[in-house]
Structure formats: structure tokens, C-alpha cells
Amino acid sequence: MGRKKRQKPRNASTELRRFYTEHQRMPSYREAATLFRYRSPNAITYWVNRWTTTGIVRRDRTGRLLPGPALAPIRLLGNVQAGFPSPAEEEHIDTLSLDDWLVGNREASFMLKVSGDSMVDAGIQPGDYVLIDRGRTPKKGDIVIAEVDNEWTMKFFEKRGNRIVLRAANRRYPTIVPHQELKIAGVVTSVIRKYK
């Protein structure tokens, strides 16, 4: 008797995108098996391997599923003039995955939600999300996430002589000079704001 042919899950991209939108993460193998009506997580492994090769999903170092570039690319239609108006022309140039574009070093990246207004003059508002790369070495002018004397903050990284200071982007806040301890958790690489 021959092997039973694996039945392809219907609308894999749509279902995975819906799950990702609702839960802000990709499903586990067990959840994927339930999502596509398989009896065990092992049954979904074949399709996960197929989806990995087509870019629908990818895996991190631990094997956990992450969205692939083919799952959520956005069409890139051209350029827009931010100065004087110019004739509008729509041209499908390419597709762009925001995840790939924003995140350079996935394993060393994380996000934080901003509270407070100490960085408003740098364009970072309360409620924004910042993307941080903990693998980068900070240099003068970078915005960093730092632990200063047991308190966390986000400020501009500066050197004054042999001292490191952290400067706010709001005149109402003083420059921070670490007294005991300074730990840099990472460098801010992107600011994400959603308009409603």
C-alpha cells in the first residue's frame, strides 16, 4: 500500500497572517497543527519545511517560527515628494518587508514602547515604539537605552572628555551624568509610530 499523500493546508499564508495579526507572534508547531486541523505537531512539520523554503515562515536559533518575508511584504509603488507637489505616478517597483527593512540584526534586536517626553525634540513621542540593536557599539549622537544608577532611560549618547553623559532631547530635562554605574542595553535604530 502506498503512502498517503499529505493534503495541503488551505490558504496557509492567509491563516498564518491572521494568526500573527491577532497574537503578534507566529503559532507554535502545536498551534499550527490545530490551525490547519492536523492531529499532531509532527504532521505540520512537513509543511513548515515547505513554507520555510518559500519564505512564508522562518525559524530562529531555537526553531521557533517567525514570519518570513513572503508572508507580509508591502508593495513599493515609487516615491512621494515631501516638498512641492509633483505629478502622481503609481509604479509597482518591488515589494518591501518592513521586518527585513527595519531589523538588521534579528538575534540582537528588541522593541520597547516609549513613555515620557524627554526625547520629543528628536521626534520620539510617548506611545511610539523604538527598535533597539543590543549588538551595536554606541557612538556620539546615537540614541541609546541605558541603565543609569539602577534606573532605565533613553537618551543621546555623548562623551565629554573621558566621561559619558546622556542628553535628553527636551530642554526641560537635565543632562544625566552617571554617578556610580552605566550600562548600555542597546542603540535605537528605528522609531515606529502608527497613525490612526
Protein backbone atom coordinates (compact mmCIF):
# COMPACT_ATOMS: atom_id res chain seq x y z
CA MET A 1 0.00 0.00 0.00
CA GLY A 2 1.40 3.45 -0.93
CA ARG A 3 1.94 6.33 1.43
CA LYS A 4 -0.98 8.64 1.99
CA LYS A 5 -0.47 11.94 0.21
CA ARG A 6 -0.23 14.94 2.51
CA GLN A 7 -3.14 17.27 1.96
CA LYS A 8 -2.00 20.85 1.53
CA PRO A 9 -3.39 23.26 4.15
CA ARG A 10 -5.78 25.75 2.57
CA ASN A 11 -4.78 29.40 2.44
CA ALA A 12 -1.65 28.91 4.54
CA SER A 13 -0.44 32.50 4.08
CA THR A 14 -3.85 33.95 4.95
CA GLU A 15 -4.30 31.83 8.07
CA LEU A 16 -0.74 32.44 9.31
CA ARG A 17 -1.06 36.18 8.65
CA ARG A 18 -4.39 36.26 10.55
CA PHE A 19 -2.87 34.39 13.50
CA TYR A 20 0.15 36.74 13.51
CA THR A 21 -2.09 39.83 13.43
CA GLU A 22 -4.26 38.58 16.29
CA HIS A 23 -1.50 37.26 18.56
CA GLN A 24 1.52 39.40 17.48
CA ARG A 25 3.54 36.21 17.08
CA MET A 26 3.68 33.14 14.89
CA PRO A 27 2.00 29.92 16.08
CA SER A 28 3.88 27.13 17.81
CA TYR A 29 4.01 23.79 15.99
CA ARG A 30 1.12 22.55 18.15
CA GLU A 31 -0.94 25.67 17.42
CA ALA A 32 -0.16 25.39 13.69
CA ALA A 33 -1.32 21.77 13.73
CA THR A 34 -4.59 22.84 15.37
CA LEU A 35 -4.94 25.79 12.99
CA PHE A 36 -4.69 23.52 9.95
CA ARG A 37 -6.61 20.61 11.53
CA TYR A 38 -3.76 18.14 11.91
CA ARG A 39 -3.83 15.72 14.83
CA SER A 40 -0.24 16.22 15.98
CA PRO A 41 2.54 18.82 15.71
CA ASN A 42 4.65 16.27 13.80
CA ALA A 43 2.15 16.31 10.94
CA ILE A 44 2.68 20.03 10.37
CA THR A 45 6.50 19.70 10.24
CA TYR A 46 6.45 18.79 6.54
CA TRP A 47 4.54 21.96 5.67
CA VAL A 48 6.68 24.15 7.93
CA ASN A 49 9.73 22.93 5.99
CA ARG A 50 7.97 23.79 2.71
CA TRP A 51 6.91 27.21 3.99
CA THR A 52 10.48 27.90 5.10
CA THR A 53 11.84 27.28 1.60
CA THR A 54 9.20 29.56 0.05
CA GLY A 55 9.76 32.36 2.59
CA ILE A 56 6.34 32.20 4.27
CA VAL A 57 7.97 31.42 7.62
CA ARG A 58 11.47 31.23 9.03
CA ARG A 59 12.94 29.83 12.23
CA ASP A 60 15.10 31.38 14.91
CA ARG A 61 18.02 29.54 16.54
CA THR A 62 15.67 27.66 18.85
CA GLY A 63 13.40 26.50 16.00
CA ARG A 64 10.56 28.87 16.90
CA LEU A 65 8.55 30.10 13.92
CA LEU A 66 8.87 33.72 12.78
CA PRO A 67 7.13 35.49 9.87
CA GLY A 68 9.04 35.17 6.62
CA PRO A 69 9.46 37.90 4.00
CA ALA A 70 6.83 36.34 1.73
CA LEU A 71 4.20 36.46 4.48
CA ALA A 72 3.83 40.20 4.78
CA PRO A 73 5.61 42.15 2.06
CA ILE A 74 4.11 45.51 1.13
CA ARG A 75 4.14 46.76 -2.44
CA LEU A 76 6.63 49.56 -3.07
CA LEU A 77 4.99 51.83 -5.63
CA GLY A 78 7.52 54.62 -6.06
CA ASN A 79 8.49 57.90 -4.42
CA VAL A 80 6.47 60.77 -2.98
CA GLN A 81 7.53 64.40 -2.97
CA ALA A 82 7.65 65.87 0.52
CA GLY A 83 8.25 69.41 -0.77
CA PHE A 84 6.32 70.91 -3.69
CA PRO A 85 3.65 68.80 -5.41
CA SER A 86 4.66 66.77 -8.46
CA PRO A 87 2.59 64.66 -10.86
CA ALA A 88 1.48 61.45 -9.15
CA GLU A 89 2.56 58.28 -10.88
CA GLU A 90 1.99 54.83 -9.47
CA GLU A 91 4.60 52.32 -10.49
CA HIS A 92 4.98 48.91 -8.90
CA ILE A 93 8.72 48.88 -8.22
CA ASP A 94 9.06 45.99 -5.81
CA THR A 95 7.77 44.56 -2.56
CA LEU A 96 9.19 45.51 0.78
CA SER A 97 9.07 43.55 4.02
CA LEU A 98 9.11 46.07 6.86
CA ASP A 99 10.55 43.43 9.16
CA ASP A 100 13.54 42.88 6.88
CA TRP A 101 13.98 46.59 6.19
CA LEU A 102 13.90 47.71 9.82
CA VAL A 103 15.71 44.85 11.53
CA GLY A 104 19.34 44.42 10.59
CA ASN A 105 20.39 42.05 13.35
CA ARG A 106 17.40 39.94 14.34
CA GLU A 107 19.04 37.96 17.12
CA ALA A 108 20.22 41.13 18.89
CA SER A 109 17.10 43.26 18.35
CA PHE A 110 14.14 44.03 20.58
CA MET A 111 11.39 46.66 20.86
CA LEU A 112 10.22 48.95 23.63
CA LYS A 113 7.20 51.22 23.95
CA VAL A 114 8.08 54.81 24.78
CA SER A 115 6.68 56.59 27.81
CA GLY A 116 7.64 60.12 28.79
CA ASP A 117 8.57 63.13 26.67
CA SER A 118 12.30 63.56 27.19
CA MET A 119 13.06 62.73 23.51
CA VAL A 120 10.30 64.69 21.74
CA ASP A 121 12.73 67.08 20.01
CA ALA A 122 14.34 64.03 18.40
CA GLY A 123 10.93 63.07 17.01
CA ILE A 124 10.22 60.33 19.56
CA GLN A 125 6.78 60.72 21.13
CA PRO A 126 5.08 58.93 24.03
CA GLY A 127 3.38 55.81 22.66
CA ASP A 128 5.93 55.30 19.87
CA TYR A 129 7.84 52.04 19.63
CA VAL A 130 11.61 52.01 19.32
CA LEU A 131 13.65 49.21 17.80
CA ILE A 132 16.93 48.56 19.60
CA ASP A 133 20.05 46.70 18.48
CA ARG A 134 21.99 45.49 21.52
CA GLY A 135 24.86 44.34 19.28
CA ARG A 136 25.89 47.86 18.25
CA THR A 137 28.62 49.82 19.97
CA PRO A 138 27.24 53.29 20.72
CA LYS A 139 28.94 56.33 19.27
CA LYS A 140 28.45 60.05 19.87
CA GLY A 141 25.00 61.15 18.78
CA ASP A 142 23.38 57.73 18.95
CA ILE A 143 20.17 57.34 20.94
CA VAL A 144 20.68 54.59 23.48
CA ILE A 145 18.74 52.61 26.05
CA ALA A 146 20.78 52.72 29.24
CA GLU A 147 20.62 51.75 32.89
CA VAL A 148 22.00 54.62 34.93
CA ASP A 149 22.44 54.12 38.65
CA ASN A 150 19.69 51.45 38.65
CA GLU A 151 17.22 53.44 36.52
CA TRP A 152 16.41 52.87 32.83
CA THR A 153 16.29 55.71 30.33
CA MET A 154 16.54 56.56 26.63
CA LYS A 155 18.84 59.46 25.76
CA PHE A 156 21.50 60.72 23.34
CA PHE A 157 24.92 59.16 23.98
CA GLU A 158 27.74 61.71 24.31
CA LYS A 159 31.32 61.86 25.52
CA ARG A 160 32.67 64.90 27.31
CA GLY A 161 36.35 64.38 27.85
CA ASN A 162 36.68 60.96 29.45
CA ARG A 163 33.12 60.95 30.76
CA ILE A 164 29.99 59.55 29.14
CA VAL A 165 26.87 61.66 29.56
CA LEU A 166 23.29 61.09 28.43
CA ARG A 167 21.47 64.08 26.95
CA ALA A 168 17.71 64.48 26.59
CA ALA A 169 16.00 65.92 23.52
CA ASN A 170 13.82 68.22 25.57
CA ARG A 171 15.14 71.34 27.32
CA ARG A 172 13.09 70.61 30.43
CA TYR A 173 15.29 67.59 31.26
CA PRO A 174 18.83 67.85 32.62
CA THR A 175 21.82 66.03 31.15
CA ILE A 176 22.47 62.80 33.05
CA VAL A 177 25.94 62.20 34.42
CA PRO A 178 26.24 58.67 35.81
CA HIS A 179 27.48 58.71 39.41
CA GLN A 180 28.02 55.01 40.01
CA GLU A 181 27.01 52.72 37.16
CA LEU A 182 26.17 52.96 33.47
CA LYS A 183 25.08 50.01 31.34
CA ILE A 184 24.18 50.49 27.68
CA ALA A 185 21.48 47.98 26.69
CA GLY A 186 21.47 48.91 23.00
CA VAL A 187 21.28 51.55 20.30
CA VAL A 188 17.95 52.78 18.92
CA THR A 189 17.82 52.06 15.18
CA SER A 190 14.19 52.88 14.31
CA VAL A 191 11.15 54.67 15.65
CA ILE A 192 7.75 53.25 14.76
CA ARG A 193 4.56 55.26 15.01
CA LYS A 194 1.12 54.20 13.87
CA TYR A 195 -1.33 56.90 12.81
CA LYS A 196 -4.99 56.05 13.36
